[in-house]
C-alpha atoms as a PDB file:
ATOM      1  CA  MET A   1      33.410  -7.320 -10.467  1.00  0.00           C
ATOM      2  CA  ALA A   2      31.065  -6.948  -7.512  1.00  0.00           C
ATOM      3  CA  ASN A   3      31.704  -5.512  -4.057  1.00  0.00           C
ATOM      4  CA  ALA A   4      29.621  -6.007  -0.912  1.00  0.00           C
ATOM      5  CA  LEU A   5      27.785  -2.832   0.095  1.00  0.00           C
ATOM      6  CA  GLY A   6      26.147  -4.391   3.128  1.00  0.00           C
ATOM      7  CA  TYR A   7      24.317  -7.332   4.598  1.00  0.00           C
ATOM      8  CA  LEU A   8      20.613  -7.935   5.184  1.00  0.00           C
ATOM      9  CA  ASN A   9      18.375 -10.266   7.127  1.00  0.00           C
ATOM     10  CA  GLU A  10      15.007 -11.394   5.776  1.00  0.00           C
ATOM     11  CA  THR A  11      11.893 -10.034   7.471  1.00  0.00           C
ATOM     12  CA  ASP A  12       8.189 -10.774   6.972  1.00  0.00           C
ATOM     13  CA  ASN A  13       7.943  -7.747   4.643  1.00  0.00           C
ATOM     14  CA  GLY A  14      11.367  -7.762   2.951  1.00  0.00           C
ATOM     15  CA  PHE A  15      14.832  -7.170   4.405  1.00  0.00           C
ATOM     16  CA  GLU A  16      16.616  -5.130   7.082  1.00  0.00           C
ATOM     17  CA  GLY A  17      20.304  -4.497   7.533  1.00  0.00           C
ATOM     18  CA  GLU A  18      23.048  -1.978   6.923  1.00  0.00           C
ATOM     19  CA  LEU A  19      24.315  -0.157   3.859  1.00  0.00           C
ATOM     20  CA  ALA A  20      28.043   0.534   4.232  1.00  0.00           C
ATOM     21  CA  MET A  21      29.700   2.767   1.653  1.00  0.00           C
ATOM     22  CA  ALA A  22      32.951   4.739   1.640  1.00  0.00           C
ATOM     23  CA  THR A  23      31.231   7.993   2.648  1.00  0.00           C
ATOM     24  CA  PHE A  24      28.580   6.756   5.096  1.00  0.00           C
ATOM     25  CA  THR A  25      26.937   3.830   6.855  1.00  0.00           C
ATOM     26  CA  ALA A  26      23.197   3.664   7.463  1.00  0.00           C
ATOM     27  CA  PRO A  27      20.595   1.156   8.547  1.00  0.00           C
ATOM     28  CA  ILE A  28      18.325   0.242   5.643  1.00  0.00           C
ATOM     29  CA  ARG A  29      14.960  -1.408   5.213  1.00  0.00           C
ATOM     30  CA  ILE A  30      13.712  -2.928   1.978  1.00  0.00           C
ATOM     31  CA  SER A  31       9.933  -3.329   2.095  1.00  0.00           C
ATOM     32  CA  LYS A  32       7.392  -4.749  -0.334  1.00  0.00           C
ATOM     33  CA  ASN A  33       5.785  -1.986  -2.379  1.00  0.00           C
ATOM     34  CA  THR A  34       2.155  -2.173  -1.288  1.00  0.00           C
ATOM     35  CA  ASP A  35       1.303   0.637  -3.750  1.00  0.00           C
ATOM     36  CA  LYS A  36       2.381  -1.366  -6.828  1.00  0.00           C
ATOM     37  CA  THR A  37      -0.372  -1.240  -9.469  1.00  0.00           C
ATOM     38  CA  SER A  38       1.560  -2.103 -12.651  1.00  0.00           C
ATOM     39  CA  ASP A  39       4.550  -4.162 -13.798  1.00  0.00           C
ATOM     40  CA  ALA A  40       6.497  -0.913 -14.299  1.00  0.00           C
ATOM     41  CA  HIS A  41       6.335  -0.115 -10.575  1.00  0.00           C
ATOM     42  CA  PRO A  42       9.086  -1.486  -8.293  1.00  0.00           C
ATOM     43  CA  ASP A  43       8.403  -4.604  -6.245  1.00  0.00           C
ATOM     44  CA  PHE A  44      10.158  -3.088  -3.193  1.00  0.00           C
ATOM     45  CA  ARG A  45      11.026   0.378  -1.817  1.00  0.00           C
ATOM     46  CA  ILE A  46      14.333   1.059  -0.018  1.00  0.00           C
ATOM     47  CA  TYR A  47      14.506   3.290   3.074  1.00  0.00           C
ATOM     48  CA  ALA A  48      17.597   4.432   4.991  1.00  0.00           C
ATOM     49  CA  GLY A  49      18.492   5.913   8.350  1.00  0.00           C
ATOM     50  CA  SER A  50      16.401   6.710  11.386  1.00  0.00           C
ATOM     51  CA  ARG A  51      14.215   9.034   9.263  1.00  0.00           C
ATOM     52  CA  ASN A  52      13.423   6.264   6.765  1.00  0.00           C
ATOM     53  CA  ALA A  53      14.493   8.368   3.794  1.00  0.00           C
ATOM     54  CA  ASP A  54      13.370   6.827   0.497  1.00  0.00           C
ATOM     55  CA  ILE A  55      16.659   6.086  -1.305  1.00  0.00           C
ATOM     56  CA  GLY A  56      15.658   3.606  -3.970  1.00  0.00           C
ATOM     57  CA  ALA A  57      13.687   0.723  -5.351  1.00  0.00           C
ATOM     58  CA  ALA A  58      14.094  -2.967  -6.156  1.00  0.00           C
ATOM     59  CA  TRP A  59      12.656  -5.276  -8.765  1.00  0.00           C
ATOM     60  CA  ASN A  60      12.292  -9.059  -8.802  1.00  0.00           C
ATOM     61  CA  ARG A  61      14.408 -10.508 -11.607  1.00  0.00           C
ATOM     62  CA  THR A  62      15.195 -14.009 -12.871  1.00  0.00           C
ATOM     63  CA  SER A  63      18.717 -14.993 -13.896  1.00  0.00           C
ATOM     64  CA  ARG A  64      18.934 -16.116 -17.522  1.00  0.00           C
ATOM     65  CA  ALA A  65      21.887 -18.352 -16.682  1.00  0.00           C
ATOM     66  CA  THR A  66      20.543 -20.160 -13.608  1.00  0.00           C
ATOM     67  CA  GLY A  67      16.804 -19.470 -13.524  1.00  0.00           C
ATOM     68  CA  ARG A  68      17.117 -18.244  -9.923  1.00  0.00           C
ATOM     69  CA  THR A  69      15.254 -15.169  -8.743  1.00  0.00           C
ATOM     70  CA  TYR A  70      17.025 -12.202  -7.192  1.00  0.00           C
ATOM     71  CA  LEU A  71      16.413  -8.521  -6.422  1.00  0.00           C
ATOM     72  CA  SER A  72      17.886  -5.804  -8.619  1.00  0.00           C
ATOM     73  CA  LEU A  73      18.339  -2.496  -6.740  1.00  0.00           C
ATOM     74  CA  THR A  74      18.702   1.112  -7.811  1.00  0.00           C
ATOM     75  CA  LEU A  75      19.891   3.531  -5.112  1.00  0.00           C
ATOM     76  CA  ALA A  76      19.961   7.332  -5.337  1.00  0.00           C
ATOM     77  CA  ASP A  77      20.529   9.916  -2.610  1.00  0.00           C
ATOM     78  CA  PRO A  78      22.636  13.088  -2.212  1.00  0.00           C
ATOM     79  CA  LEU A  79      24.863  11.273   0.306  1.00  0.00           C
ATOM     80  CA  ILE A  80      25.592   8.637  -2.328  1.00  0.00           C
ATOM     81  CA  GLY A  81      26.591  11.256  -4.901  1.00  0.00           C
ATOM     82  CA  ASP A  82      25.308  12.459  -8.232  1.00  0.00           C
ATOM     83  CA  ARG A  83      25.081   9.000  -9.838  1.00  0.00           C
ATOM     84  CA  ARG A  84      22.758   6.102  -9.214  1.00  0.00           C
ATOM     85  CA  ILE A  85      24.126   2.919  -7.726  1.00  0.00           C
ATOM     86  CA  PHE A  86      23.033  -0.413  -9.133  1.00  0.00           C
ATOM     87  CA  ALA A  87      23.222  -3.566  -7.026  1.00  0.00           C
ATOM     88  CA  ASN A  88      21.759  -7.031  -6.572  1.00  0.00           C
ATOM     89  CA  ILE A  89      20.791  -8.898  -3.443  1.00  0.00           C
ATOM     90  CA  ALA A  90      22.115 -12.439  -3.207  1.00  0.00           C
ATOM     91  CA  PRO A  91      21.807 -15.061  -0.470  1.00  0.00           C
ATOM     92  CA  VAL A  92      24.868 -15.679   1.699  1.00  0.00           C
ATOM     93  CA  LYS A  93      25.904 -19.292   1.252  1.00  0.00           C
ATOM     94  CA  GLY A  94      25.216 -21.437   4.303  1.00  0.00           C
ATOM     95  CA  GLN A  95      23.354 -18.685   6.223  1.00  0.00           C
ATOM     96  CA  ASP A  96      19.571 -19.022   5.964  1.00  0.00           C
ATOM     97  CA  GLY A  97      17.808 -15.666   5.767  1.00  0.00           C
ATOM     98  CA  ARG A  98      21.093 -13.731   5.355  1.00  0.00           C
ATOM     99  CA  HIS A  99      21.773 -11.772   2.153  1.00  0.00           C
ATOM    100  CA  VAL A 100      24.497  -9.547   0.722  1.00  0.00           C
ATOM    101  CA  ILE A 101      24.088  -6.361  -1.325  1.00  0.00           C
ATOM    102  CA  LEU A 102      26.460  -6.608  -4.298  1.00  0.00           C
ATOM    103  CA  TRP A 103      27.424  -3.435  -6.154  1.00  0.00           C
ATOM    104  CA  ILE A 104      27.221  -3.745  -9.929  1.00  0.00           C
ATOM    105  CA  PRO A 105      29.521  -1.132 -11.545  1.00  0.00           C
ATOM    106  CA  LYS A 106      28.072   0.497 -14.670  1.00  0.00           C
ATOM    107  CA  SER A 107      30.381   1.979 -17.264  1.00  0.00           C
END
């Protein structure tokens, strides 16, 4: 099961859009991590709100089933709650440059 947490548009440096959760809505920006120096570091950093609070990171992944690449996100912030949120970014069918953030529930 996956639920949409927001929608993004591609930019030259990543993505911009809105994160919409039950407790809050905030503009977000996902930017390439220019400080990445090892494979363990995230490929992107995630910033939210007008203050650009750092709320997470994203890694490039490849689907075993399809071979397609996607971004795997981890979000953490006091407004989100005491647990991390895991999500993926997927393209919106038929809308070039438009993507959806899909929540991936963890048990």
